[in-house]
C-alpha atoms as a PDB file:
ATOM      1  CA  ILE A   1     -79.893 200.668 182.305  1.00  0.00           C
ATOM      2  CA  SER A   2     -77.254 199.984 179.651  1.00  0.00           C
ATOM      3  CA  GLN A   3     -77.319 196.279 180.579  1.00  0.00           C
ATOM      4  CA  ARG A   4     -81.081 196.166 179.998  1.00  0.00           C
ATOM      5  CA  VAL A   5     -80.765 198.038 176.691  1.00  0.00           C
ATOM      6  CA  SER A   6     -78.065 195.608 175.604  1.00  0.00           C
ATOM      7  CA  GLU A   7     -80.316 192.646 176.465  1.00  0.00           C
ATOM      8  CA  LEU A   8     -83.256 194.111 174.531  1.00  0.00           C
ATOM      9  CA  VAL A   9     -81.153 194.849 171.455  1.00  0.00           C
ATOM     10  CA  THR A  10     -79.628 191.363 171.577  1.00  0.00           C
ATOM     11  CA  GLU A  11     -83.097 189.784 171.825  1.00  0.00           C
ATOM     12  CA  CYS A  12     -84.401 191.849 168.897  1.00  0.00           C
ATOM     13  CA  ALA A  13     -81.375 190.977 166.793  1.00  0.00           C
ATOM     14  CA  ALA A  14     -81.830 187.279 167.624  1.00  0.00           C
ATOM     15  CA  GLN A  15     -85.332 187.416 166.107  1.00  0.00           C
ATOM     16  CA  PHE A  16     -83.691 188.290 162.778  1.00  0.00           C
ATOM     17  CA  GLY A  17     -81.005 185.628 163.129  1.00  0.00           C
ATOM     18  CA  LEU A  18     -78.276 188.066 164.148  1.00  0.00           C
ATOM     19  CA  LEU A  19     -75.799 187.405 166.916  1.00  0.00           C
ATOM     20  CA  LEU A  20     -74.439 190.533 168.608  1.00  0.00           C
ATOM     21  CA  ASP A  21     -71.331 190.876 170.721  1.00  0.00           C
ATOM     22  CA  ASP A  22     -70.850 193.643 173.243  1.00  0.00           C
ATOM     23  CA  ILE A  23     -72.547 196.671 171.681  1.00  0.00           C
ATOM     24  CA  SER A  24     -70.348 199.245 173.396  1.00  0.00           C
ATOM     25  CA  ILE A  25     -67.187 197.579 172.065  1.00  0.00           C
ATOM     26  CA  THR A  26     -68.639 197.668 168.538  1.00  0.00           C
ATOM     27  CA  GLU A  27     -69.264 201.393 168.891  1.00  0.00           C
ATOM     28  CA  GLN A  28     -65.740 201.969 170.200  1.00  0.00           C
ATOM     29  CA  SER A  29     -64.294 200.023 167.267  1.00  0.00           C
ATOM     30  CA  ARG A  30     -66.322 202.111 164.848  1.00  0.00           C
ATOM     31  CA  GLN A  31     -65.125 205.314 166.474  1.00  0.00           C
ATOM     32  CA  ALA A  32     -61.525 204.072 166.339  1.00  0.00           C
ATOM     33  CA  ASN A  33     -61.906 203.375 162.602  1.00  0.00           C
ATOM     34  CA  VAL A  34     -63.330 206.846 162.014  1.00  0.00           C
ATOM     35  CA  THR A  35     -60.481 208.435 163.976  1.00  0.00           C
ATOM     36  CA  ALA A  36     -57.896 206.402 162.046  1.00  0.00           C
ATOM     37  CA  ALA A  37     -59.462 207.415 158.720  1.00  0.00           C
ATOM     38  CA  GLU A  38     -59.417 211.078 159.730  1.00  0.00           C
ATOM     39  CA  GLY A  39     -55.743 210.742 160.689  1.00  0.00           C
ATOM     40  CA  ASP A  40     -54.929 209.083 157.359  1.00  0.00           C
ATOM     41  CA  ALA A  41     -56.688 211.870 155.472  1.00  0.00           C
ATOM     42  CA  ARG A  42     -54.751 214.511 157.412  1.00  0.00           C
ATOM     43  CA  THR A  43     -51.495 212.661 156.730  1.00  0.00           C
ATOM     44  CA  GLY A  44     -52.302 212.586 153.019  1.00  0.00           C
ATOM     45  CA  ASP A  45     -52.972 216.329 153.034  1.00  0.00           C
ATOM     46  CA  LEU A  46     -49.671 217.047 154.788  1.00  0.00           C
ATOM     47  CA  ILE A  47     -47.701 214.820 152.413  1.00  0.00           C
ATOM     48  CA  GLY A  48     -49.349 216.451 149.397  1.00  0.00           C
ATOM     49  CA  LYS A  49     -48.554 219.917 150.708  1.00  0.00           C
ATOM     50  CA  ALA A  50     -44.928 218.972 151.409  1.00  0.00           C
ATOM     51  CA  LEU A  51     -44.539 217.517 147.910  1.00  0.00           C
ATOM     52  CA  ASP A  52     -46.012 220.661 146.369  1.00  0.00           C
ATOM     53  CA  GLU A  53     -43.596 222.864 148.283  1.00  0.00           C
ATOM     54  CA  ALA A  54     -40.586 220.614 147.643  1.00  0.00           C
ATOM     55  CA  GLY A  55     -41.548 220.335 143.978  1.00  0.00           C
ATOM     56  CA  ASP A  56     -41.534 224.125 143.632  1.00  0.00           C
ATOM     57  CA  ALA A  57     -38.130 224.321 145.310  1.00  0.00           C
ATOM     58  CA  ALA A  58     -36.740 221.536 143.109  1.00  0.00           C
ATOM     59  CA  GLU A  59     -37.993 223.317 140.002  1.00  0.00           C
ATOM     60  CA  GLY A  60     -36.280 226.538 141.072  1.00  0.00           C
ATOM     61  CA  ILE A  61     -33.009 224.732 141.774  1.00  0.00           C
ATOM     62  CA  ALA A  62     -33.149 222.902 138.432  1.00  0.00           C
ATOM     63  CA  ASN A  63     -33.839 226.191 136.670  1.00  0.00           C
ATOM     64  CA  GLN A  64     -30.800 227.840 138.269  1.00  0.00           C
ATOM     65  CA  LEU A  65     -28.543 224.859 137.531  1.00  0.00           C
ATOM     66  CA  SER A  66     -29.657 224.696 133.911  1.00  0.00           C
ATOM     67  CA  LYS A  67     -28.380 228.248 133.362  1.00  0.00           C
ATOM     68  CA  SER A  68     -24.885 227.384 134.606  1.00  0.00           C
ATOM     69  CA  ARG A  69     -22.353 225.947 132.142  1.00  0.00           C
ATOM     70  CA  ASN A  70     -20.413 224.289 134.964  1.00  0.00           C
ATOM     71  CA  SER A  71     -23.236 222.011 136.137  1.00  0.00           C
ATOM     72  CA  VAL A  72     -23.622 218.357 135.280  1.00  0.00           C
ATOM     73  CA  TYR A  73     -26.644 216.289 136.258  1.00  0.00           C
ATOM     74  CA  LEU A  74     -26.185 212.617 137.060  1.00  0.00           C
ATOM     75  CA  PRO A  75     -29.338 210.624 137.746  1.00  0.00           C
ATOM     76  CA  HIS A  76     -29.522 208.878 141.086  1.00  0.00           C
ATOM     77  CA  GLY A  77     -29.936 205.145 141.431  1.00  0.00           C
ATOM     78  CA  PRO A  78     -29.731 202.123 139.163  1.00  0.00           C
ATOM     79  CA  GLN A  79     -31.139 204.014 136.163  1.00  0.00           C
ATOM     80  CA  MET A  80     -27.746 205.699 135.684  1.00  0.00           C
ATOM     81  CA  LEU A  81     -26.020 202.315 135.515  1.00  0.00           C
ATOM     82  CA  LEU A  82     -28.525 201.068 132.948  1.00  0.00           C
ATOM     83  CA  ASN A  83     -27.805 204.104 130.773  1.00  0.00           C
ATOM     84  CA  ILE A  84     -24.047 203.497 131.009  1.00  0.00           C
ATOM     85  CA  ILE A  85     -24.394 199.805 130.166  1.00  0.00           C
ATOM     86  CA  GLY A  86     -26.653 200.657 127.228  1.00  0.00           C
ATOM     87  CA  ALA A  87     -24.112 203.175 125.887  1.00  0.00           C
ATOM     88  CA  ILE A  88     -21.270 200.636 126.104  1.00  0.00           C
ATOM     89  CA  GLN A  89     -23.160 197.971 124.158  1.00  0.00           C
END
């Protein structure tokens, strides 16, 4: 039955100048794209939640360190070197 349906759909599409490949493969590709998009959305939600939680923790740590007179903050990465070079010049 599916072979006959495929033939009929292909014939109808040909009347409009459309060339169809295997219809079932097209549907599977569409479903794979939908599944991938759902996975990407879920990943985005999880990353956002983790950043929210880590951001709250980082704020608490920074708050505690700012109250201590024995704490010094040094920025991480090349930005620190740029600041040092700028101070020397």
